[in-house]
C-alpha atoms as a PDB file:
ATOM      1  CA  UNK A   1     -29.392-177.473  44.019  1.00  0.00           C
ATOM      2  CA  UNK A   2     -29.634-174.228  42.040  1.00  0.00           C
ATOM      3  CA  UNK A   3     -32.278-171.931  40.557  1.00  0.00           C
ATOM      4  CA  UNK A   4     -32.471-170.087  37.255  1.00  0.00           C
ATOM      5  CA  UNK A   5     -35.036-168.107  35.332  1.00  0.00           C
ATOM      6  CA  UNK A   6     -33.369-169.111  32.050  1.00  0.00           C
ATOM      7  CA  UNK A   7     -33.552-172.284  29.998  1.00  0.00           C
ATOM      8  CA  UNK A   8     -30.146-173.664  30.934  1.00  0.00           C
ATOM      9  CA  UNK A   9     -27.848-173.917  33.922  1.00  0.00           C
ATOM     10  CA  UNK A  10     -24.228-175.069  34.212  1.00  0.00           C
ATOM     11  CA  UNK A  11     -23.321-176.972  37.375  1.00  0.00           C
ATOM     12  CA  UNK A  12     -19.620-176.918  38.284  1.00  0.00           C
ATOM     13  CA  UNK A  13     -17.762-179.206  40.641  1.00  0.00           C
ATOM     14  CA  UNK A  14     -19.123-182.543  39.368  1.00  0.00           C
ATOM     15  CA  UNK A  15     -16.741-185.507  39.318  1.00  0.00           C
ATOM     16  CA  UNK A  16     -15.974-187.230  36.023  1.00  0.00           C
ATOM     17  CA  UNK A  17     -17.022-190.889  35.953  1.00  0.00           C
ATOM     18  CA  UNK A  18     -19.708-190.502  38.655  1.00  0.00           C
ATOM     19  CA  UNK A  19     -23.392-190.983  37.801  1.00  0.00           C
ATOM     20  CA  UNK A  20     -25.644-188.036  38.672  1.00  0.00           C
ATOM     21  CA  UNK A  21     -29.403-187.698  38.553  1.00  0.00           C
ATOM     22  CA  UNK A  22     -30.608-184.267  37.501  1.00  0.00           C
ATOM     23  CA  UNK A  23     -34.084-182.950  38.241  1.00  0.00           C
ATOM     24  CA  UNK A  24     -35.689-179.867  36.746  1.00  0.00           C
ATOM     25  CA  UNK A  25     -38.888-178.501  38.213  1.00  0.00           C
ATOM     26  CA  UNK A  26     -40.927-175.728  36.632  1.00  0.00           C
ATOM     27  CA  UNK A  27     -42.099-173.280  39.274  1.00  0.00           C
ATOM     28  CA  UNK A  28     -43.918-169.977  39.515  1.00  0.00           C
ATOM     29  CA  UNK A  29     -44.684-167.774  42.514  1.00  0.00           C
ATOM     30  CA  UNK A  30     -48.479-167.909  42.062  1.00  0.00           C
ATOM     31  CA  UNK A  31     -49.187-171.631  41.695  1.00  0.00           C
ATOM     32  CA  UNK A  32     -45.957-173.248  42.849  1.00  0.00           C
ATOM     33  CA  UNK A  33     -44.624-176.095  40.760  1.00  0.00           C
ATOM     34  CA  UNK A  34     -45.498-179.716  40.203  1.00  0.00           C
ATOM     35  CA  UNK A  35     -43.963-180.394  36.776  1.00  0.00           C
ATOM     36  CA  UNK A  36     -40.737-182.340  37.274  1.00  0.00           C
ATOM     37  CA  UNK A  37     -38.392-183.950  34.712  1.00  0.00           C
ATOM     38  CA  UNK A  38     -35.482-186.256  35.621  1.00  0.00           C
ATOM     39  CA  UNK A  39     -32.454-187.390  33.653  1.00  0.00           C
ATOM     40  CA  UNK A  40     -29.195-189.174  34.490  1.00  0.00           C
ATOM     41  CA  UNK A  41     -25.736-188.466  33.105  1.00  0.00           C
ATOM     42  CA  UNK A  42     -22.103-189.225  33.839  1.00  0.00           C
ATOM     43  CA  UNK A  43     -19.712-186.307  33.258  1.00  0.00           C
ATOM     44  CA  UNK A  44     -16.640-187.245  31.230  1.00  0.00           C
ATOM     45  CA  UNK A  45     -13.461-185.628  30.033  1.00  0.00           C
ATOM     46  CA  UNK A  46     -13.938-183.896  26.663  1.00  0.00           C
ATOM     47  CA  UNK A  47     -10.726-185.469  25.361  1.00  0.00           C
ATOM     48  CA  UNK A  48     -12.216-188.907  24.761  1.00  0.00           C
ATOM     49  CA  UNK A  49     -10.925-189.971  21.338  1.00  0.00           C
ATOM     50  CA  UNK A  50     -11.770-186.613  19.786  1.00  0.00           C
ATOM     51  CA  UNK A  51      -8.975-184.736  18.030  1.00  0.00           C
ATOM     52  CA  UNK A  52      -9.146-180.950  18.263  1.00  0.00           C
ATOM     53  CA  UNK A  53     -10.831-179.124  15.391  1.00  0.00           C
ATOM     54  CA  UNK A  54      -9.354-176.067  13.730  1.00  0.00           C
ATOM     55  CA  UNK A  55      -8.772-172.903  15.777  1.00  0.00           C
ATOM     56  CA  UNK A  56     -11.626-170.404  15.625  1.00  0.00           C
ATOM     57  CA  UNK A  57     -11.769-166.619  15.372  1.00  0.00           C
ATOM     58  CA  UNK A  58      -8.166-166.417  14.128  1.00  0.00           C
ATOM     59  CA  UNK A  59      -6.998-162.820  13.835  1.00  0.00           C
ATOM     60  CA  UNK A  60      -3.672-161.091  13.281  1.00  0.00           C
ATOM     61  CA  UNK A  61      -2.318-157.704  14.334  1.00  0.00           C
ATOM     62  CA  UNK A  62       0.781-156.843  12.275  1.00  0.00           C
ATOM     63  CA  UNK A  63       3.439-154.449  13.526  1.00  0.00           C
ATOM     64  CA  UNK A  64       7.002-153.515  12.512  1.00  0.00           C
ATOM     65  CA  UNK A  65       8.890-156.796  12.048  1.00  0.00           C
ATOM     66  CA  UNK A  66       6.318-158.837  13.997  1.00  0.00           C
ATOM     67  CA  UNK A  67       2.738-160.028  14.137  1.00  0.00           C
ATOM     68  CA  UNK A  68       0.442-161.063  16.959  1.00  0.00           C
ATOM     69  CA  UNK A  69      -1.875-164.008  16.230  1.00  0.00           C
ATOM     70  CA  UNK A  70      -4.892-164.619  18.472  1.00  0.00           C
ATOM     71  CA  UNK A  71      -7.634-167.270  18.459  1.00  0.00           C
ATOM     72  CA  UNK A  72     -10.556-168.299  20.627  1.00  0.00           C
ATOM     73  CA  UNK A  73     -10.255-172.083  20.893  1.00  0.00           C
ATOM     74  CA  UNK A  74     -11.204-174.952  18.581  1.00  0.00           C
ATOM     75  CA  UNK A  75     -14.448-175.423  16.677  1.00  0.00           C
ATOM     76  CA  UNK A  76     -15.434-178.705  18.398  1.00  0.00           C
ATOM     77  CA  UNK A  77     -14.423-177.670  21.974  1.00  0.00           C
ATOM     78  CA  UNK A  78     -12.139-180.721  22.275  1.00  0.00           C
ATOM     79  CA  UNK A  79      -9.246-180.604  24.722  1.00  0.00           C
ATOM     80  CA  UNK A  80      -6.010-179.084  23.392  1.00  0.00           C
ATOM     81  CA  UNK A  81      -2.626-179.829  24.944  1.00  0.00           C
ATOM     82  CA  UNK A  82      -0.803-177.210  22.886  1.00  0.00           C
ATOM     83  CA  UNK A  83      -1.084-174.976  19.843  1.00  0.00           C
ATOM     84  CA  UNK A  84       1.766-174.981  17.330  1.00  0.00           C
ATOM     85  CA  UNK A  85       2.305-171.698  15.543  1.00  0.00           C
ATOM     86  CA  UNK A  86       4.313-171.282  12.351  1.00  0.00           C
ATOM     87  CA  UNK A  87       4.759-168.672   9.616  1.00  0.00           C
ATOM     88  CA  UNK A  88       5.890-168.497   5.980  1.00  0.00           C
ATOM     89  CA  UNK A  89       6.517-165.656   3.582  1.00  0.00           C
ATOM     90  CA  UNK A  90       3.813-165.936   0.947  1.00  0.00           C
ATOM     91  CA  UNK A  91       6.451-166.166  -1.820  1.00  0.00           C
ATOM     92  CA  UNK A  92       8.130-169.191  -0.173  1.00  0.00           C
ATOM     93  CA  UNK A  93       6.944-172.780  -0.280  1.00  0.00           C
ATOM     94  CA  UNK A  94       7.701-174.031   3.239  1.00  0.00           C
ATOM     95  CA  UNK A  95       6.376-172.867   6.588  1.00  0.00           C
ATOM     96  CA  UNK A  96       8.910-171.510   9.033  1.00  0.00           C
ATOM     97  CA  UNK A  97       8.765-173.421  12.277  1.00  0.00           C
ATOM     98  CA  UNK A  98      10.565-173.129  15.561  1.00  0.00           C
ATOM     99  CA  UNK A  99       8.267-170.675  17.300  1.00  0.00           C
ATOM    100  CA  UNK A 100       7.618-173.294  19.962  1.00  0.00           C
ATOM    101  CA  UNK A 101       4.274-174.432  21.227  1.00  0.00           C
ATOM    102  CA  UNK A 102       1.765-172.872  23.563  1.00  0.00           C
ATOM    103  CA  UNK A 103       0.484-174.986  26.474  1.00  0.00           C
ATOM    104  CA  UNK A 104      -3.020-173.509  26.542  1.00  0.00           C
ATOM    105  CA  UNK A 105      -6.422-175.121  26.122  1.00  0.00           C
ATOM    106  CA  UNK A 106      -8.943-172.366  25.374  1.00  0.00           C
ATOM    107  CA  UNK A 107      -7.251-170.117  22.862  1.00  0.00           C
ATOM    108  CA  UNK A 108      -4.662-167.443  23.278  1.00  0.00           C
ATOM    109  CA  UNK A 109      -2.188-165.228  21.455  1.00  0.00           C
ATOM    110  CA  UNK A 110       1.317-165.691  20.093  1.00  0.00           C
ATOM    111  CA  UNK A 111       3.828-162.985  19.171  1.00  0.00           C
ATOM    112  CA  UNK A 112       5.957-163.870  16.149  1.00  0.00           C
ATOM    113  CA  UNK A 113       9.030-161.659  15.794  1.00  0.00           C
ATOM    114  CA  UNK A 114      11.934-161.305  13.354  1.00  0.00           C
ATOM    115  CA  UNK A 115       9.634-161.027  10.354  1.00  0.00           C
ATOM    116  CA  UNK A 116      10.602-159.062   7.264  1.00  0.00           C
END
């Protein structure tokens, strides 16, 4: 049970795969509240057959011989096991790989060094 004066509320601690019934009651201090709406839902893992979308809010901070790339997550909020970061000089045809992968799920930053 929780209260809010907004139009939404996030409830943490629910178990995936378990059916829950949710009830919302409109209430005010003068007349009380009798309007009630009910709905049922089963929380699930966001990773269900949904590949991650492209990273959002990508930004770069260049420095001498390096650059820091940062991003906020993916556009469809799907689960991400890792981000793979690569770089290429704009005059070359192939991306340079070997920077490793980042085991993060909600965005992050990567420092890429040894750039010319």
